[in-house]
Each structure stands twice: as C-alpha cells, then as structure tokens.
C-alpha cells in the first residue's frame, strides 16, 4: 500500500514527536524502537520519490 505524500509527512511528524518524547522519558529500548519507526517512514518517503 502506497501512502500519499501528505500521509507520509503526517506520520513522519508524529513519529518524530514520539521519538523526542521518548528521549526525554523512556529507556533506550523504547527510544531505539521509535527511532527505527521514524527511519522506516523516512525510507518510504525517499523511496516514493517525494
């Protein structure tokens, strides 16, 4: 399933916020998972050619 550019941007921004919150409040395992989540979304954005 291909997401629209706007959907990807929205999901990337939400993932970035979750990661920043995790950095302030969570342990390294949660931070790592949030970072991987954000990386995958950015990878989708790049692969889509936006």
PDB file of N, CA and C in Angstrom:
ATOM      1  N   UNK A   1       0.840  -1.184   0.000  1.00  0.00           N
ATOM      2  CA  UNK A   1       0.000   0.000   0.000  1.00  0.00           C
ATOM      3  C   UNK A   1       0.888   1.251   0.000  1.00  0.00           C
ATOM      4  N   UNK A   2       0.643   2.132  -0.940  1.00  0.00           N
ATOM      5  CA  UNK A   2       1.394   3.370  -1.044  1.00  0.00           C
ATOM      6  C   UNK A   2       0.612   4.492  -0.376  1.00  0.00           C
ATOM      7  N   UNK A   3       1.306   5.197   0.483  1.00  0.00           N
ATOM      8  CA  UNK A   3       0.686   6.325   1.177  1.00  0.00           C
ATOM      9  C   UNK A   3       0.906   7.590   0.356  1.00  0.00           C
ATOM     10  N   UNK A   4      -0.003   8.529   0.493  1.00  0.00           N
ATOM     11  CA  UNK A   4       0.177   9.808  -0.181  1.00  0.00           C
ATOM     12  C   UNK A   4       1.302  10.584   0.503  1.00  0.00           C
ATOM     13  N   UNK A   5       1.799  11.561  -0.197  1.00  0.00           N
ATOM     14  CA  UNK A   5       2.868  12.396   0.350  1.00  0.00           C
ATOM     15  C   UNK A   5       2.424  13.040   1.658  1.00  0.00           C
ATOM     16  N   UNK A   6       1.205  13.542   1.690  1.00  0.00           N
ATOM     17  CA  UNK A   6       0.697  14.209   2.890  1.00  0.00           C
ATOM     18  C   UNK A   6       0.579  13.243   4.066  1.00  0.00           C
ATOM     19  N   UNK A   7       0.130  12.013   3.785  1.00  0.00           N
ATOM     20  CA  UNK A   7       0.021  10.999   4.846  1.00  0.00           C
ATOM     21  C   UNK A   7       1.393  10.649   5.413  1.00  0.00           C
ATOM     22  N   UNK A   8       2.362  10.494   4.525  1.00  0.00           N
ATOM     23  CA  UNK A   8       3.719  10.176   4.985  1.00  0.00           C
ATOM     24  C   UNK A   8       4.295  11.309   5.820  1.00  0.00           C
ATOM     25  N   UNK A   9       4.127  12.527   5.369  1.00  0.00           N
ATOM     26  CA  UNK A   9       4.641  13.675   6.114  1.00  0.00           C
ATOM     27  C   UNK A   9       3.982  13.722   7.498  1.00  0.00           C
ATOM     28  N   UNK A  10       2.688  13.506   7.545  1.00  0.00           N
ATOM     29  CA  UNK A  10       1.968  13.497   8.819  1.00  0.00           C
ATOM     30  C   UNK A  10       2.504  12.399   9.736  1.00  0.00           C
ATOM     31  N   UNK A  11       2.674  11.194   9.202  1.00  0.00           N
ATOM     32  CA  UNK A  11       3.173  10.078  10.008  1.00  0.00           C
ATOM     33  C   UNK A  11       4.608  10.305  10.461  1.00  0.00           C
ATOM     34  N   UNK A  12       5.427  10.915   9.604  1.00  0.00           N
ATOM     35  CA  UNK A  12       6.817  11.223   9.968  1.00  0.00           C
ATOM     36  C   UNK A  12       6.838  12.227  11.117  1.00  0.00           C
ATOM     37  N   UNK A  13       6.024  13.250  11.023  1.00  0.00           N
ATOM     38  CA  UNK A  13       5.975  14.252  12.092  1.00  0.00           C
ATOM     39  C   UNK A  13       5.504  13.647  13.412  1.00  0.00           C
ATOM     40  N   UNK A  14       4.497  12.788  13.360  1.00  0.00           N
ATOM     41  CA  UNK A  14       4.025  12.135  14.581  1.00  0.00           C
ATOM     42  C   UNK A  14       5.096  11.218  15.174  1.00  0.00           C
ATOM     43  N   UNK A  15       5.789  10.486  14.315  1.00  0.00           N
ATOM     44  CA  UNK A  15       6.859   9.596  14.781  1.00  0.00           C
ATOM     45  C   UNK A  15       8.003  10.408  15.392  1.00  0.00           C
ATOM     46  N   UNK A  16       8.301  11.557  14.796  1.00  0.00           N
ATOM     47  CA  UNK A  16       9.358  12.427  15.331  1.00  0.00           C
ATOM     48  C   UNK A  16       8.985  12.931  16.721  1.00  0.00           C
ATOM     49  N   UNK A  17       7.748  13.313  16.898  1.00  0.00           N
ATOM     50  CA  UNK A  17       7.285  13.784  18.204  1.00  0.00           C
ATOM     51  C   UNK A  17       7.374  12.662  19.232  1.00  0.00           C
ATOM     52  N   UNK A  18       6.927  11.440  18.842  1.00  0.00           N
ATOM     53  CA  UNK A  18       7.013  10.290  19.758  1.00  0.00           C
ATOM     54  C   UNK A  18       8.463  10.007  20.141  1.00  0.00           C
ATOM     55  N   UNK A  19       9.368  10.099  19.161  1.00  0.00           N
ATOM     56  CA  UNK A  19      10.785   9.861  19.444  1.00  0.00           C
ATOM     57  C   UNK A  19      11.323  10.914  20.407  1.00  0.00           C
ATOM     58  N   UNK A  20      11.028  12.167  20.156  1.00  0.00           N
ATOM     59  CA  UNK A  20      11.508  13.231  21.045  1.00  0.00           C
ATOM     60  C   UNK A  20      10.980  13.056  22.462  1.00  0.00           C
ATOM     61  N   UNK A  21       9.729  12.664  22.583  1.00  0.00           N
ATOM     62  CA  UNK A  21       9.148  12.424  23.904  1.00  0.00           C
ATOM     63  C   UNK A  21       9.840  11.241  24.576  1.00  0.00           C
ATOM     64  N   UNK A  22      10.116  10.212  23.806  1.00  0.00           N
ATOM     65  CA  UNK A  22      10.797   9.034  24.354  1.00  0.00           C
ATOM     66  C   UNK A  22      12.194   9.384  24.852  1.00  0.00           C
ATOM     67  N   UNK A  23      12.883  10.234  24.117  1.00  0.00           N
ATOM     68  CA  UNK A  23      14.239  10.621  24.519  1.00  0.00           C
ATOM     69  C   UNK A  23      14.213  11.271  25.900  1.00  0.00           C
ATOM     70  N   UNK A  24      13.155  12.017  26.172  1.00  0.00           N
ATOM     71  CA  UNK A  24      13.039  12.704  27.453  1.00  0.00           C
ATOM     72  C   UNK A  24      12.564  11.798  28.585  1.00  0.00           C
ATOM     73  N   UNK A  25      11.790  10.728  28.250  1.00  0.00           N
ATOM     74  CA  UNK A  25      11.107   9.995  29.310  1.00  0.00           C
ATOM     75  C   UNK A  25      11.322   8.487  29.349  1.00  0.00           C
ATOM     76  N   UNK A  26      11.776   7.862  28.272  1.00  0.00           N
ATOM     77  CA  UNK A  26      11.805   6.408  28.201  1.00  0.00           C
ATOM     78  C   UNK A  26      13.225   5.851  28.227  1.00  0.00           C
ATOM     79  N   UNK A  27      13.281   4.526  28.341  1.00  0.00           N
ATOM     80  CA  UNK A  27      14.594   3.881  28.347  1.00  0.00           C
ATOM     81  C   UNK A  27      15.090   3.686  26.911  1.00  0.00           C
ATOM     82  N   UNK A  28      16.327   3.230  26.799  1.00  0.00           N
ATOM     83  CA  UNK A  28      16.973   3.153  25.496  1.00  0.00           C
ATOM     84  C   UNK A  28      16.287   2.193  24.533  1.00  0.00           C
ATOM     85  N   UNK A  29      15.627   1.156  25.036  1.00  0.00           N
ATOM     86  CA  UNK A  29      14.942   0.215  24.151  1.00  0.00           C
ATOM     87  C   UNK A  29      13.750   0.878  23.450  1.00  0.00           C
ATOM     88  N   UNK A  30      12.996   1.653  24.169  1.00  0.00           N
ATOM     89  CA  UNK A  30      11.855   2.367  23.578  1.00  0.00           C
ATOM     90  C   UNK A  30      12.359   3.423  22.597  1.00  0.00           C
ATOM     91  N   UNK A  31      13.408   4.120  22.965  1.00  0.00           N
ATOM     92  CA  UNK A  31      13.991   5.132  22.086  1.00  0.00           C
ATOM     93  C   UNK A  31      14.442   4.491  20.779  1.00  0.00           C
ATOM     94  N   UNK A  32      15.088   3.335  20.882  1.00  0.00           N
ATOM     95  CA  UNK A  32      15.543   2.629  19.689  1.00  0.00           C
ATOM     96  C   UNK A  32      14.364   2.254  18.791  1.00  0.00           C
ATOM     97  N   UNK A  33      13.306   1.698  19.371  1.00  0.00           N
ATOM     98  CA  UNK A  33      12.139   1.302  18.586  1.00  0.00           C
ATOM     99  C   UNK A  33      11.498   2.503  17.891  1.00  0.00           C
ATOM    100  N   UNK A  34      11.402   3.616  18.585  1.00  0.00           N
ATOM    101  CA  UNK A  34      10.831   4.823  17.989  1.00  0.00           C
ATOM    102  C   UNK A  34      11.726   5.342  16.851  1.00  0.00           C
ATOM    103  N   UNK A  35      13.036   5.236  17.037  1.00  0.00           N
ATOM    104  CA  UNK A  35      13.979   5.670  16.016  1.00  0.00           C
ATOM    105  C   UNK A  35      13.853   4.816  14.755  1.00  0.00           C
ATOM    106  N   UNK A  36      13.729   3.522  14.932  1.00  0.00           N
ATOM    107  CA  UNK A  36      13.565   2.614  13.798  1.00  0.00           C
ATOM    108  C   UNK A  36      12.250   2.911  13.076  1.00  0.00           C
ATOM    109  N   UNK A  37      11.194   3.169  13.830  1.00  0.00           N
ATOM    110  CA  UNK A  37       9.899   3.511  13.251  1.00  0.00           C
ATOM    111  C   UNK A  37      10.024   4.753  12.365  1.00  0.00           C
ATOM    112  N   UNK A  38      10.693   5.780  12.876  1.00  0.00           N
ATOM    113  CA  UNK A  38      10.882   7.016  12.119  1.00  0.00           C
ATOM    114  C   UNK A  38      11.742   6.761  10.879  1.00  0.00           C
ATOM    115  N   UNK A  39      12.812   6.002  11.028  1.00  0.00           N
ATOM    116  CA  UNK A  39      13.681   5.689   9.889  1.00  0.00           C
ATOM    117  C   UNK A  39      12.917   4.986   8.767  1.00  0.00           C
ATOM    118  N   UNK A  40      12.036   4.061   9.116  1.00  0.00           N
ATOM    119  CA  UNK A  40      11.266   3.335   8.105  1.00  0.00           C
ATOM    120  C   UNK A  40      10.328   4.277   7.350  1.00  0.00           C
ATOM    121  N   UNK A  41       9.725   5.199   8.059  1.00  0.00           N
ATOM    122  CA  UNK A  41       8.838   6.158   7.399  1.00  0.00           C
ATOM    123  C   UNK A  41       9.622   7.080   6.463  1.00  0.00           C
ATOM    124  N   UNK A  42      10.781   7.523   6.907  1.00  0.00           N
ATOM    125  CA  UNK A  42      11.622   8.373   6.057  1.00  0.00           C
ATOM    126  C   UNK A  42      12.078   7.592   4.829  1.00  0.00           C
ATOM    127  N   UNK A  43      12.406   6.328   5.022  1.00  0.00           N
ATOM    128  CA  UNK A  43      12.810   5.472   3.905  1.00  0.00           C
ATOM    129  C   UNK A  43      11.672   5.353   2.882  1.00  0.00           C
ATOM    130  N   UNK A  44      10.439   5.187   3.353  1.00  0.00           N
ATOM    131  CA  UNK A  44       9.281   5.126   2.451  1.00  0.00           C
ATOM    132  C   UNK A  44       9.134   6.429   1.676  1.00  0.00           C
ATOM    133  N   UNK A  45       9.330   7.537   2.352  1.00  0.00           N
ATOM    134  CA  UNK A  45       9.218   8.853   1.722  1.00  0.00           C
ATOM    135  C   UNK A  45      10.244   8.989   0.603  1.00  0.00           C
ATOM    136  N   UNK A  46      11.471   8.612   0.888  1.00  0.00           N
ATOM    137  CA  UNK A  46      12.544   8.716  -0.114  1.00  0.00           C
ATOM    138  C   UNK A  46      12.292   7.766  -1.271  1.00  0.00           C
ATOM    139  N   UNK A  47      11.898   6.520  -0.964  1.00  0.00           N
ATOM    140  CA  UNK A  47      11.652   5.528  -1.990  1.00  0.00           C
ATOM    141  C   UNK A  47      10.510   5.941  -2.933  1.00  0.00           C
ATOM    142  N   UNK A  48       9.554   6.673  -2.389  1.00  0.00           N
ATOM    143  CA  UNK A  48       8.416   7.141  -3.194  1.00  0.00           C
ATOM    144  C   UNK A  48       8.818   8.284  -4.124  1.00  0.00           C
ATOM    145  N   UNK A  49       9.972   8.860  -3.895  1.00  0.00           N
ATOM    146  CA  UNK A  49      10.471   9.916  -4.770  1.00  0.00           C
ATOM    147  C   UNK A  49       9.897  11.287  -4.501  1.00  0.00           C
ATOM    148  N   UNK A  50       9.401  11.478  -3.284  1.00  0.00           N
ATOM    149  CA  UNK A  50       8.828  12.783  -2.938  1.00  0.00           C
ATOM    150  C   UNK A  50       9.934  13.725  -2.667  1.00  0.00           C
TER     151      UNK A  50
END
